[in-house]
Amino acid sequence: MLARAGNALPPRALALLPLQHSRLVHIAQRHSRELLERDFNTLKQDIRMLEKIDFDKIRMEIAELEKKFLLQKQAEDETLNELRLSMEKVEKRMLQYAVGFAGTIMAVGAALMRLVM
C-alpha cells in the first residue's frame, strides 16, 4: 500500500510499519479512554449537581409542609381550647340551673308545708 512503483521503502522501514501502526492504535485508544473518562467524570458531576438540586427542593418542600402542619396544629389547638372553654361555660350554667331548680323546689316545698301545717 505504501510502496509505490518508483518509491519503494527499504525493508527495515517496512518492518517498522506494523510497530508504528500498533503504537498509533495504542495512542488512539489511550486518547479515547481519556476522553471517555473525562466525559464520565463530567456526567457524574452533572448527576451530583442534579441530585443536590433535587434534595434542596425536597428539603424546601418538607420545610413548607412542616410550617403548614404547625399552623394547622396551632389552629386546631386554638379551636380545641375554645371548645373546652365553651364546655366549661355550659357546665357552669347547667350547675347554676340545677342549683336554682333545687332551690325553687325546696322553696315551693317549704311553702306547701306551711300551708298544710
PDB file of N, CA and C in Angstrom:
ATOM      1  N   MET A   1       0.815  -1.172   0.000  1.00  0.00           N
ATOM      2  CA  MET A   1       0.000   0.000   0.000  1.00  0.00           C
ATOM      3  C   MET A   1       0.868   1.248   0.000  1.00  0.00           C
ATOM      4  N   LEU A   2       1.848   1.272   0.897  1.00  0.00           N
ATOM      5  CA  LEU A   2       2.709   2.437   0.942  1.00  0.00           C
ATOM      6  C   LEU A   2       3.779   2.402  -0.141  1.00  0.00           C
ATOM      7  N   ALA A   3       4.113   1.235  -0.543  1.00  0.00           N
ATOM      8  CA  ALA A   3       5.155   1.109  -1.572  1.00  0.00           C
ATOM      9  C   ALA A   3       4.539   1.363  -2.931  1.00  0.00           C
ATOM     10  N   ARG A   4       5.113   2.311  -3.613  1.00  0.00           N
ATOM     11  CA  ARG A   4       4.625   2.627  -4.954  1.00  0.00           C
ATOM     12  C   ARG A   4       5.656   2.197  -5.970  1.00  0.00           C
ATOM     13  N   ALA A   5       5.278   2.317  -7.174  1.00  0.00           N
ATOM     14  CA  ALA A   5       6.131   1.798  -8.246  1.00  0.00           C
ATOM     15  C   ALA A   5       7.502   2.446  -8.245  1.00  0.00           C
ATOM     16  N   GLY A   6       7.768   3.569  -8.132  1.00  0.00           N
ATOM     17  CA  GLY A   6       9.102   4.141  -8.187  1.00  0.00           C
ATOM     18  C   GLY A   6       9.601   4.580  -6.832  1.00  0.00           C
ATOM     19  N   ASN A   7       8.882   4.328  -5.798  1.00  0.00           N
ATOM     20  CA  ASN A   7       9.210   4.855  -4.490  1.00  0.00           C
ATOM     21  C   ASN A   7       9.151   3.729  -3.458  1.00  0.00           C
ATOM     22  N   ALA A   8       9.965   2.764  -3.539  1.00  0.00           N
ATOM     23  CA  ALA A   8       9.928   1.602  -2.657  1.00  0.00           C
ATOM     24  C   ALA A   8      10.620   1.934  -1.348  1.00  0.00           C
ATOM     25  N   LEU A   9      10.060   1.446  -0.228  1.00  0.00           N
ATOM     26  CA  LEU A   9      10.644   1.654   1.094  1.00  0.00           C
ATOM     27  C   LEU A   9      11.662   0.561   1.356  1.00  0.00           C
ATOM     28  N   PRO A  10      12.698   0.914   2.097  1.00  0.00           N
ATOM     29  CA  PRO A  10      13.686  -0.119   2.429  1.00  0.00           C
ATOM     30  C   PRO A  10      13.037  -1.187   3.315  1.00  0.00           C
ATOM     31  N   PRO A  11      13.568  -2.387   3.331  1.00  0.00           N
ATOM     32  CA  PRO A  11      12.965  -3.470   4.104  1.00  0.00           C
ATOM     33  C   PRO A  11      12.905  -3.171   5.605  1.00  0.00           C
ATOM     34  N   ARG A  12      13.882  -2.466   6.137  1.00  0.00           N
ATOM     35  CA  ARG A  12      13.864  -2.135   7.572  1.00  0.00           C
ATOM     36  C   ARG A  12      12.677  -1.220   7.898  1.00  0.00           C
ATOM     37  N   ALA A  13      12.392  -0.248   7.035  1.00  0.00           N
ATOM     38  CA  ALA A  13      11.254   0.647   7.235  1.00  0.00           C
ATOM     39  C   ALA A  13       9.959  -0.136   7.128  1.00  0.00           C
ATOM     40  N   LEU A  14       9.936  -1.106   6.205  1.00  0.00           N
ATOM     41  CA  LEU A  14       8.738  -1.932   6.077  1.00  0.00           C
ATOM     42  C   LEU A  14       8.522  -2.772   7.329  1.00  0.00           C
ATOM     43  N   ALA A  15       9.564  -3.184   7.995  1.00  0.00           N
ATOM     44  CA  ALA A  15       9.447  -3.981   9.213  1.00  0.00           C
ATOM     45  C   ALA A  15       8.932  -3.136  10.375  1.00  0.00           C
ATOM     46  N   LEU A  16       9.222  -1.833  10.377  1.00  0.00           N
ATOM     47  CA  LEU A  16       8.787  -0.951  11.462  1.00  0.00           C
ATOM     48  C   LEU A  16       7.339  -0.483  11.313  1.00  0.00           C
ATOM     49  N   LEU A  17       6.772  -0.617  10.137  1.00  0.00           N
ATOM     50  CA  LEU A  17       5.404  -0.144   9.909  1.00  0.00           C
ATOM     51  C   LEU A  17       4.383  -0.804  10.840  1.00  0.00           C
ATOM     52  N   PRO A  18       4.380  -2.106  11.048  1.00  0.00           N
ATOM     53  CA  PRO A  18       3.396  -2.682  11.980  1.00  0.00           C
ATOM     54  C   PRO A  18       3.577  -2.171  13.410  1.00  0.00           C
ATOM     55  N   LEU A  19       4.822  -1.942  13.831  1.00  0.00           N
ATOM     56  CA  LEU A  19       5.060  -1.413  15.176  1.00  0.00           C
ATOM     57  C   LEU A  19       4.523   0.007  15.313  1.00  0.00           C
ATOM     58  N   GLN A  20       4.753   0.812  14.281  1.00  0.00           N
ATOM     59  CA  GLN A  20       4.238   2.176  14.311  1.00  0.00           C
ATOM     60  C   GLN A  20       2.711   2.168  14.315  1.00  0.00           C
ATOM     61  N   HIS A  21       2.160   1.263  13.537  1.00  0.00           N
ATOM     62  CA  HIS A  21       0.698   1.172  13.483  1.00  0.00           C
ATOM     63  C   HIS A  21       0.139   0.782  14.861  1.00  0.00           C
ATOM     64  N   SER A  22       0.719  -0.223  15.511  1.00  0.00           N
ATOM     65  CA  SER A  22       0.216  -0.637  16.829  1.00  0.00           C
ATOM     66  C   SER A  22       0.442   0.470  17.858  1.00  0.00           C
ATOM     67  N   ARG A  23       1.525   1.208  17.711  1.00  0.00           N
ATOM     68  CA  ARG A  23       1.783   2.328  18.618  1.00  0.00           C
ATOM     69  C   ARG A  23       0.736   3.424  18.421  1.00  0.00           C
ATOM     70  N   LEU A  24       0.411   3.714  17.167  1.00  0.00           N
ATOM     71  CA  LEU A  24      -0.616   4.712  16.879  1.00  0.00           C
ATOM     72  C   LEU A  24      -1.979   4.249  17.401  1.00  0.00           C
ATOM     73  N   VAL A  25      -2.263   2.964  17.253  1.00  0.00           N
ATOM     74  CA  VAL A  25      -3.532   2.428  17.764  1.00  0.00           C
ATOM     75  C   VAL A  25      -3.569   2.560  19.282  1.00  0.00           C
ATOM     76  N   HIS A  26      -2.449   2.253  19.936  1.00  0.00           N
ATOM     77  CA  HIS A  26      -2.372   2.370  21.393  1.00  0.00           C
ATOM     78  C   HIS A  26      -2.588   3.824  21.828  1.00  0.00           C
ATOM     79  N   ILE A  27      -1.968   4.753  21.133  1.00  0.00           N
ATOM     80  CA  ILE A  27      -2.131   6.184  21.453  1.00  0.00           C
ATOM     81  C   ILE A  27      -3.580   6.602  21.248  1.00  0.00           C
ATOM     82  N   ALA A  28      -4.185   6.152  20.153  1.00  0.00           N
ATOM     83  CA  ALA A  28      -5.585   6.492  19.875  1.00  0.00           C
ATOM     84  C   ALA A  28      -6.505   5.906  20.946  1.00  0.00           C
ATOM     85  N   GLN A  29      -6.236   4.670  21.365  1.00  0.00           N
ATOM     86  CA  GLN A  29      -7.051   4.051  22.411  1.00  0.00           C
ATOM     87  C   GLN A  29      -6.903   4.796  23.734  1.00  0.00           C
ATOM     88  N   ARG A  30      -5.662   5.170  24.058  1.00  0.00           N
ATOM     89  CA  ARG A  30      -5.437   5.907  25.297  1.00  0.00           C
ATOM     90  C   ARG A  30      -6.151   7.256  25.253  1.00  0.00           C
ATOM     91  N   HIS A  31      -6.088   7.922  24.114  1.00  0.00           N
ATOM     92  CA  HIS A  31      -6.774   9.205  23.961  1.00  0.00           C
ATOM     93  C   HIS A  31      -8.288   9.017  24.098  1.00  0.00           C
ATOM     94  N   SER A  32      -8.812   7.977  23.462  1.00  0.00           N
ATOM     95  CA  SER A  32     -10.251   7.697  23.567  1.00  0.00           C
ATOM     96  C   SER A  32     -10.633   7.400  25.013  1.00  0.00           C
ATOM     97  N   ARG A  33      -9.804   6.626  25.718  1.00  0.00           N
ATOM     98  CA  ARG A  33     -10.076   6.304  27.117  1.00  0.00           C
ATOM     99  C   ARG A  33     -10.076   7.571  27.963  1.00  0.00           C
ATOM    100  N   GLU A  34      -9.120   8.459  27.718  1.00  0.00           N
ATOM    101  CA  GLU A  34      -9.066   9.717  28.475  1.00  0.00           C
ATOM    102  C   GLU A  34     -10.308  10.560  28.213  1.00  0.00           C
ATOM    103  N   LEU A  35     -10.725  10.610  26.943  1.00  0.00           N
ATOM    104  CA  LEU A  35     -11.940  11.362  26.618  1.00  0.00           C
ATOM    105  C   LEU A  35     -13.156  10.755  27.313  1.00  0.00           C
ATOM    106  N   LEU A  36     -13.255   9.428  27.285  1.00  0.00           N
ATOM    107  CA  LEU A  36     -14.381   8.763  27.943  1.00  0.00           C
ATOM    108  C   LEU A  36     -14.364   8.994  29.450  1.00  0.00           C
ATOM    109  N   GLU A  37     -13.181   8.926  30.057  1.00  0.00           N
ATOM    110  CA  GLU A  37     -13.083   9.170  31.497  1.00  0.00           C
ATOM    111  C   GLU A  37     -13.483  10.597  31.840  1.00  0.00           C
ATOM    112  N   ARG A  38     -13.038  11.538  31.021  1.00  0.00           N
ATOM    113  CA  ARG A  38     -13.395  12.937  31.262  1.00  0.00           C
ATOM    114  C   ARG A  38     -14.902  13.134  31.107  1.00  0.00           C
ATOM    115  N   ASP A  39     -15.479  12.551  30.043  1.00  0.00           N
ATOM    116  CA  ASP A  39     -16.927  12.652  29.852  1.00  0.00           C
ATOM    117  C   ASP A  39     -17.680  11.978  30.996  1.00  0.00           C
ATOM    118  N   PHE A  40     -17.174  10.828  31.449  1.00  0.00           N
ATOM    119  CA  PHE A  40     -17.812  10.115  32.551  1.00  0.00           C
ATOM    120  C   PHE A  40     -17.756  10.939  33.837  1.00  0.00           C
ATOM    121  N   ASN A  41     -16.614  11.552  34.110  1.00  0.00           N
ATOM    122  CA  ASN A  41     -16.496  12.406  35.302  1.00  0.00           C
ATOM    123  C   ASN A  41     -17.416  13.615  35.207  1.00  0.00           C
ATOM    124  N   THR A  42     -17.512  14.191  34.023  1.00  0.00           N
ATOM    125  CA  THR A  42     -18.424  15.322  33.825  1.00  0.00           C
ATOM    126  C   THR A  42     -19.863  14.883  34.058  1.00  0.00           C
ATOM    127  N   LEU A  43     -20.212  13.710  33.554  1.00  0.00           N
ATOM    128  CA  LEU A  43     -21.559  13.180  33.745  1.00  0.00           C
ATOM    129  C   LEU A  43     -21.843  12.933  35.227  1.00  0.00           C
ATOM    130  N   LYS A  44     -20.864  12.384  35.948  1.00  0.00           N
ATOM    131  CA  LYS A  44     -21.048  12.158  37.382  1.00  0.00           C
ATOM    132  C   LYS A  44     -21.250  13.484  38.114  1.00  0.00           C
ATOM    133  N   GLN A  45     -20.484  14.497  37.730  1.00  0.00           N
ATOM    134  CA  GLN A  45     -20.641  15.807  38.368  1.00  0.00           C
ATOM    135  C   GLN A  45     -22.024  16.386  38.071  1.00  0.00           C
ATOM    136  N   ASP A  46     -22.479  16.231  36.828  1.00  0.00           N
ATOM    137  CA  ASP A  46     -23.812  16.719  36.475  1.00  0.00           C
ATOM    138  C   ASP A  46     -24.890  15.999  37.278  1.00  0.00           C
ATOM    139  N   ILE A  47     -24.734  14.693  37.431  1.00  0.00           N
ATOM    140  CA  ILE A  47     -25.712  13.923  38.204  1.00  0.00           C
ATOM    141  C   ILE A  47     -25.701  14.362  39.660  1.00  0.00           C
ATOM    142  N   ARG A  48     -24.513  14.569  40.221  1.00  0.00           N
ATOM    143  CA  ARG A  48     -24.423  15.037  41.613  1.00  0.00           C
ATOM    144  C   ARG A  48     -25.072  16.408  41.770  1.00  0.00           C
ATOM    145  N   MET A  49     -24.868  17.270  40.784  1.00  0.00           N
ATOM    146  CA  MET A  49     -25.466  18.602  40.837  1.00  0.00           C
ATOM    147  C   MET A  49     -26.994  18.495  40.796  1.00  0.00           C
ATOM    148  N   LEU A  50     -27.510  17.646  39.896  1.00  0.00           N
ATOM    149  CA  LEU A  50     -28.958  17.460  39.809  1.00  0.00           C
ATOM    150  C   LEU A  50     -29.510  16.863  41.103  1.00  0.00           C
ATOM    151  N   GLU A  51     -28.785  15.906  41.688  1.00  0.00           N
ATOM    152  CA  GLU A  51     -29.221  15.330  42.960  1.00  0.00           C
ATOM    153  C   GLU A  51     -29.262  16.395  44.045  1.00  0.00           C
ATOM    154  N   LYS A  52     -28.245  17.247  44.074  1.00  0.00           N
ATOM    155  CA  LYS A  52     -28.207  18.304  45.089  1.00  0.00           C
ATOM    156  C   LYS A  52     -29.389  19.251  44.909  1.00  0.00           C
ATOM    157  N   ILE A  53     -29.676  19.610  43.664  1.00  0.00           N
ATOM    158  CA  ILE A  53     -30.814  20.492  43.389  1.00  0.00           C
ATOM    159  C   ILE A  53     -32.109  19.822  43.830  1.00  0.00           C
ATOM    160  N   ASP A  54     -32.262  18.525  43.498  1.00  0.00           N
ATOM    161  CA  ASP A  54     -33.464  17.796  43.892  1.00  0.00           C
ATOM    162  C   ASP A  54     -33.581  17.709  45.411  1.00  0.00           C
ATOM    163  N   PHE A  55     -32.468  17.423  46.100  1.00  0.00           N
ATOM    164  CA  PHE A  55     -32.506  17.349  47.557  1.00  0.00           C
ATOM    165  C   PHE A  55     -32.857  18.706  48.159  1.00  0.00           C
ATOM    166  N   ASP A  56     -32.345  19.777  47.575  1.00  0.00           N
ATOM    167  CA  ASP A  56     -32.688  21.111  48.072  1.00  0.00           C
ATOM    168  C   ASP A  56     -34.182  21.379  47.906  1.00  0.00           C
ATOM    169  N   LYS A  57     -34.723  20.990  46.744  1.00  0.00           N
ATOM    170  CA  LYS A  57     -36.168  21.166  46.520  1.00  0.00           C
ATOM    171  C   LYS A  57     -36.966  20.359  47.533  1.00  0.00           C
ATOM    172  N   ILE A  58     -36.538  19.128  47.770  1.00  0.00           N
ATOM    173  CA  ILE A  58     -37.250  18.272  48.723  1.00  0.00           C
ATOM    174  C   ILE A  58     -37.180  18.861  50.126  1.00  0.00           C
ATOM    175  N   ARG A  59     -35.994  19.354  50.512  1.00  0.00           N
ATOM    176  CA  ARG A  59     -35.859  19.979  51.831  1.00  0.00           C
ATOM    177  C   ARG A  59     -36.779  21.189  51.959  1.00  0.00           C
ATOM    178  N   MET A  60     -36.862  21.993  50.906  1.00  0.00           N
ATOM    179  CA  MET A  60     -37.738  23.165  50.941  1.00  0.00           C
ATOM    180  C   MET A  60     -39.199  22.739  51.061  1.00  0.00           C
ATOM    181  N   GLU A  61     -39.595  21.705  50.307  1.00  0.00           N
ATOM    182  CA  GLU A  61     -40.971  21.223  50.383  1.00  0.00           C
ATOM    183  C   GLU A  61     -41.278  20.663  51.766  1.00  0.00           C
ATOM    184  N   ILE A  62     -40.321  19.946  52.355  1.00  0.00           N
ATOM    185  CA  ILE A  62     -40.526  19.407  53.706  1.00  0.00           C
ATOM    186  C   ILE A  62     -40.678  20.550  54.706  1.00  0.00           C
ATOM    187  N   ALA A  63     -39.836  21.568  54.588  1.00  0.00           N
ATOM    188  CA  ALA A  63     -39.934  22.720  55.495  1.00  0.00           C
ATOM    189  C   ALA A  63     -41.284  23.413  55.330  1.00  0.00           C
ATOM    190  N   GLU A  64     -41.742  23.529  54.084  1.00  0.00           N
ATOM    191  CA  GLU A  64     -43.038  24.148  53.813  1.00  0.00           C
ATOM    192  C   GLU A  64     -44.166  23.328  54.442  1.00  0.00           C
ATOM    193  N   LEU A  65     -44.098  22.007  54.274  1.00  0.00           N
ATOM    194  CA  LEU A  65     -45.119  21.137  54.854  1.00  0.00           C
ATOM    195  C   LEU A  65     -45.100  21.190  56.380  1.00  0.00           C
ATOM    196  N   GLU A  66     -43.903  21.240  56.960  1.00  0.00           N
ATOM    197  CA  GLU A  66     -43.811  21.357  58.417  1.00  0.00           C
ATOM    198  C   GLU A  66     -44.439  22.661  58.896  1.00  0.00           C
ATOM    199  N   LYS A  67     -44.188  23.736  58.155  1.00  0.00           N
ATOM    200  CA  LYS A  67     -44.764  25.029  58.523  1.00  0.00           C
ATOM    201  C   LYS A  67     -46.287  24.964  58.447  1.00  0.00           C
ATOM    202  N   LYS A  68     -46.818  24.394  57.350  1.00  0.00           N
ATOM    203  CA  LYS A  68     -48.274  24.259  57.214  1.00  0.00           C
ATOM    204  C   LYS A  68     -48.841  23.389  58.326  1.00  0.00           C
ATOM    205  N   PHE A  69     -48.140  22.293  58.632  1.00  0.00           N
ATOM    206  CA  PHE A  69     -48.607  21.396  59.686  1.00  0.00           C
ATOM    207  C   PHE A  69     -48.650  22.115  61.027  1.00  0.00           C
ATOM    208  N   LEU A  70     -47.601  22.882  61.336  1.00  0.00           N
ATOM    209  CA  LEU A  70     -47.568  23.606  62.608  1.00  0.00           C
ATOM    210  C   LEU A  70     -48.673  24.656  62.680  1.00  0.00           C
ATOM    211  N   LEU A  71     -48.922  25.353  61.563  1.00  0.00           N
ATOM    212  CA  LEU A  71     -50.005  26.337  61.542  1.00  0.00           C
ATOM    213  C   LEU A  71     -51.357  25.656  61.736  1.00  0.00           C
ATOM    214  N   GLN A  72     -51.548  24.524  61.071  1.00  0.00           N
ATOM    215  CA  GLN A  72     -52.806  23.790  61.207  1.00  0.00           C
ATOM    216  C   GLN A  72     -52.966  23.267  62.635  1.00  0.00           C
ATOM    217  N   LYS A  73     -51.878  22.769  63.216  1.00  0.00           N
ATOM    218  CA  LYS A  73     -51.928  22.271  64.592  1.00  0.00           C
ATOM    219  C   LYS A  73     -52.246  23.410  65.552  1.00  0.00           C
ATOM    220  N   GLN A  74     -51.656  24.572  65.307  1.00  0.00           N
ATOM    221  CA  GLN A  74     -51.932  25.724  66.162  1.00  0.00           C
ATOM    222  C   GLN A  74     -53.409  26.116  66.054  1.00  0.00           C
ATOM    223  N   ALA A  75     -53.944  26.129  64.835  1.00  0.00           N
ATOM    224  CA  ALA A  75     -55.356  26.469  64.647  1.00  0.00           C
ATOM    225  C   ALA A  75     -56.249  25.436  65.337  1.00  0.00           C
ATOM    226  N   GLU A  76     -55.900  24.162  65.224  1.00  0.00           N
ATOM    227  CA  GLU A  76     -56.685  23.117  65.885  1.00  0.00           C
ATOM    228  C   GLU A  76     -56.600  23.245  67.403  1.00  0.00           C
ATOM    229  N   ASP A  77     -55.424  23.582  67.919  1.00  0.00           N
ATOM    230  CA  ASP A  77     -55.276  23.774  69.365  1.00  0.00           C
ATOM    231  C   ASP A  77     -56.130  24.946  69.845  1.00  0.00           C
ATOM    232  N   GLU A  78     -56.160  26.021  69.064  1.00  0.00           N
ATOM    233  CA  GLU A  78     -56.987  27.175  69.428  1.00  0.00           C
ATOM    234  C   GLU A  78     -58.462  26.796  69.412  1.00  0.00           C
ATOM    235  N   THR A  79     -58.884  26.051  68.394  1.00  0.00           N
ATOM    236  CA  THR A  79     -60.280  25.614  68.310  1.00  0.00           C
ATOM    237  C   THR A  79     -60.622  24.703  69.483  1.00  0.00           C
ATOM    238  N   LEU A  80     -59.723  23.784  69.807  1.00  0.00           N
ATOM    239  CA  LEU A  80     -59.942  22.880  70.934  1.00  0.00           C
ATOM    240  C   LEU A  80     -60.030  23.651  72.244  1.00  0.00           C
ATOM    241  N   ASN A  81     -59.195  24.657  72.403  1.00  0.00           N
ATOM    242  CA  ASN A  81     -59.235  25.482  73.611  1.00  0.00           C
ATOM    243  C   ASN A  81     -60.559  26.237  73.701  1.00  0.00           C
ATOM    244  N   GLU A  82     -61.022  26.778  72.577  1.00  0.00           N
ATOM    245  CA  GLU A  82     -62.314  27.477  72.559  1.00  0.00           C
ATOM    246  C   GLU A  82     -63.447  26.519  72.916  1.00  0.00           C
ATOM    247  N   LEU A  83     -63.406  25.304  72.385  1.00  0.00           N
ATOM    248  CA  LEU A  83     -64.433  24.312  72.710  1.00  0.00           C
ATOM    249  C   LEU A  83     -64.402  23.949  74.195  1.00  0.00           C
ATOM    250  N   ARG A  84     -63.210  23.808  74.749  1.00  0.00           N
ATOM    251  CA  ARG A  84     -63.081  23.492  76.172  1.00  0.00           C
ATOM    252  C   ARG A  84     -63.670  24.607  77.025  1.00  0.00           C
ATOM    253  N   LEU A  85     -63.368  25.861  76.664  1.00  0.00           N
ATOM    254  CA  LEU A  85     -63.923  27.000  77.410  1.00  0.00           C
ATOM    255  C   LEU A  85     -65.442  27.044  77.294  1.00  0.00           C
ATOM    256  N   SER A  86     -65.956  26.768  76.095  1.00  0.00           N
ATOM    257  CA  SER A  86     -67.409  26.752  75.903  1.00  0.00           C
ATOM    258  C   SER A  86     -68.050  25.651  76.741  1.00  0.00           C
ATOM    259  N   MET A  87     -67.423  24.480  76.782  1.00  0.00           N
ATOM    260  CA  MET A  87     -67.958  23.378  77.583  1.00  0.00           C
ATOM    261  C   MET A  87     -67.961  23.737  79.067  1.00  0.00           C
ATOM    262  N   GLU A  88     -66.913  24.417  79.518  1.00  0.00           N
ATOM    263  CA  GLU A  88     -66.872  24.836  80.921  1.00  0.00           C
ATOM    264  C   GLU A  88     -68.007  25.807  81.223  1.00  0.00           C
ATOM    265  N   LYS A  89     -68.280  26.737  80.287  1.00  0.00           N
ATOM    266  CA  LYS A  89     -69.383  27.686  80.482  1.00  0.00           C
ATOM    267  C   LYS A  89     -70.720  26.953  80.533  1.00  0.00           C
ATOM    268  N   VAL A  90     -70.910  25.988  79.634  1.00  0.00           N
ATOM    269  CA  VAL A  90     -72.166  25.229  79.609  1.00  0.00           C
ATOM    270  C   VAL A  90     -72.325  24.432  80.902  1.00  0.00           C
ATOM    271  N   GLU A  91     -71.253  23.793  81.349  1.00  0.00           N
ATOM    272  CA  GLU A  91     -71.318  23.023  82.593  1.00  0.00           C
ATOM    273  C   GLU A  91     -71.646  23.928  83.780  1.00  0.00           C
ATOM    274  N   LYS A  92     -71.028  25.100  83.814  1.00  0.00           N
ATOM    275  CA  LYS A  92     -71.290  26.044  84.905  1.00  0.00           C
ATOM    276  C   LYS A  92     -72.750  26.499  84.871  1.00  0.00           C
ATOM    277  N   ARG A  93     -73.257  26.791  83.667  1.00  0.00           N
ATOM    278  CA  ARG A  93     -74.637  27.233  83.523  1.00  0.00           C
ATOM    279  C   ARG A  93     -75.597  26.111  83.945  1.00  0.00           C
ATOM    280  N   MET A  94     -75.298  24.864  83.560  1.00  0.00           N
ATOM    281  CA  MET A  94     -76.153  23.738  83.949  1.00  0.00           C
ATOM    282  C   MET A  94     -76.156  23.567  85.464  1.00  0.00           C
ATOM    283  N   LEU A  95     -74.996  23.721  86.084  1.00  0.00           N
ATOM    284  CA  LEU A  95     -74.914  23.622  87.543  1.00  0.00           C
ATOM    285  C   LEU A  95     -75.735  24.726  88.206  1.00  0.00           C
ATOM    286  N   GLN A  96     -75.653  25.941  87.645  1.00  0.00           N
ATOM    287  CA  GLN A  96     -76.438  27.047  88.196  1.00  0.00           C
ATOM    288  C   GLN A  96     -77.936  26.758  88.063  1.00  0.00           C
ATOM    289  N   TYR A  97     -78.367  26.226  86.903  1.00  0.00           N
ATOM    290  CA  TYR A  97     -79.780  25.894  86.713  1.00  0.00           C
ATOM    291  C   TYR A  97     -80.206  24.789  87.677  1.00  0.00           C
ATOM    292  N   ALA A  98     -79.335  23.796  87.888  1.00  0.00           N
ATOM    293  CA  ALA A  98     -79.678  22.701  88.803  1.00  0.00           C
ATOM    294  C   ALA A  98     -79.822  23.219  90.226  1.00  0.00           C
ATOM    295  N   VAL A  99     -78.889  24.071  90.649  1.00  0.00           N
ATOM    296  CA  VAL A  99     -78.968  24.640  91.999  1.00  0.00           C
ATOM    297  C   VAL A  99     -80.205  25.518  92.115  1.00  0.00           C
ATOM    298  N   GLY A 100     -80.471  26.316  91.096  1.00  0.00           N
ATOM    299  CA  GLY A 100     -81.659  27.179  91.110  1.00  0.00           C
ATOM    300  C   GLY A 100     -82.939  26.360  91.143  1.00  0.00           C
ATOM    301  N   PHE A 101     -82.989  25.284  90.346  1.00  0.00           N
ATOM    302  CA  PHE A 101     -84.171  24.427  90.319  1.00  0.00           C
ATOM    303  C   PHE A 101     -84.362  23.749  91.675  1.00  0.00           C
ATOM    304  N   ALA A 102     -83.271  23.268  92.265  1.00  0.00           N
ATOM    305  CA  ALA A 102     -83.363  22.623  93.584  1.00  0.00           C
ATOM    306  C   ALA A 102     -83.826  23.635  94.628  1.00  0.00           C
ATOM    307  N   GLY A 103     -83.326  24.843  94.556  1.00  0.00           N
ATOM    308  CA  GLY A 103     -83.747  25.894  95.498  1.00  0.00           C
ATOM    309  C   GLY A 103     -85.219  26.219  95.332  1.00  0.00           C
ATOM    310  N   THR A 104     -85.682  26.280  94.091  1.00  0.00           N
ATOM    311  CA  THR A 104     -87.091  26.578  93.824  1.00  0.00           C
ATOM    312  C   THR A 104     -87.970  25.456  94.366  1.00  0.00           C
ATOM    313  N   ILE A 105     -87.574  24.215  94.130  1.00  0.00           N
ATOM    314  CA  ILE A 105     -88.359  23.078  94.621  1.00  0.00           C
ATOM    315  C   ILE A 105     -88.412  23.106  96.151  1.00  0.00           C
ATOM    316  N   MET A 106     -87.284  23.425  96.785  1.00  0.00           N
ATOM    317  CA  MET A 106     -87.259  23.479  98.245  1.00  0.00           C
ATOM    318  C   MET A 106     -88.145  24.613  98.757  1.00  0.00           C
ATOM    319  N   ALA A 107     -88.129  25.754  98.077  1.00  0.00           N
ATOM    320  CA  ALA A 107     -88.963  26.887  98.495  1.00  0.00           C
ATOM    321  C   ALA A 107     -90.441  26.548  98.330  1.00  0.00           C
ATOM    322  N   VAL A 108     -90.796  25.915  97.216  1.00  0.00           N
ATOM    323  CA  VAL A 108     -92.191  25.521  96.982  1.00  0.00           C
ATOM    324  C   VAL A 108     -92.598  24.470  98.015  1.00  0.00           C
ATOM    325  N   GLY A 109     -91.701  23.539  98.282  1.00  0.00           N
ATOM    326  CA  GLY A 109     -91.997  22.505  99.288  1.00  0.00           C
ATOM    327  C   GLY A 109     -92.182  23.104 100.666  1.00  0.00           C
ATOM    328  N   ALA A 110     -91.355  24.085 101.012  1.00  0.00           N
ATOM    329  CA  ALA A 110     -91.472  24.733 102.316  1.00  0.00           C
ATOM    330  C   ALA A 110     -92.781  25.509 102.405  1.00  0.00           C
ATOM    331  N   ALA A 111     -93.171  26.165 101.319  1.00  0.00           N
ATOM    332  CA  ALA A 111     -94.429  26.926 101.311  1.00  0.00           C
ATOM    333  C   ALA A 111     -95.610  25.980 101.452  1.00  0.00           C
ATOM    334  N   LEU A 112     -95.563  24.850 100.787  1.00  0.00           N
ATOM    335  CA  LEU A 112     -96.645  23.870 100.889  1.00  0.00           C
ATOM    336  C   LEU A 112     -96.699  23.280 102.297  1.00  0.00           C
ATOM    337  N   MET A 113     -95.565  23.088 102.899  1.00  0.00           N
ATOM    338  CA  MET A 113     -95.528  22.553 104.255  1.00  0.00           C
ATOM    339  C   MET A 113     -96.160  23.546 105.232  1.00  0.00           C
ATOM    340  N   ARG A 114     -95.945  24.827 105.022  1.00  0.00           N
ATOM    341  CA  ARG A 114     -96.532  25.845 105.900  1.00  0.00           C
ATOM    342  C   ARG A 114     -98.043  25.874 105.738  1.00  0.00           C
ATOM    343  N   LEU A 115     -98.472  25.709 104.494  1.00  0.00           N
ATOM    344  CA  LEU A 115     -99.913  25.741 104.257  1.00  0.00           C
ATOM    345  C   LEU A 115    -100.594  24.506 104.856  1.00  0.00           C
ATOM    346  N   VAL A 116     -99.937  23.408 104.751  1.00  0.00           N
ATOM    347  CA  VAL A 116    -100.528  22.164 105.234  1.00  0.00           C
ATOM    348  C   VAL A 116    -100.490  22.142 106.768  1.00  0.00           C
ATOM    349  N   MET A 117     -99.552  22.655 107.358  1.00  0.00           N
ATOM    350  CA  MET A 117     -99.460  22.594 108.811  1.00  0.00           C
ATOM    351  C   MET A 117    -100.078  23.756 109.426  1.00  0.00           C
TER     352      MET A 117
END
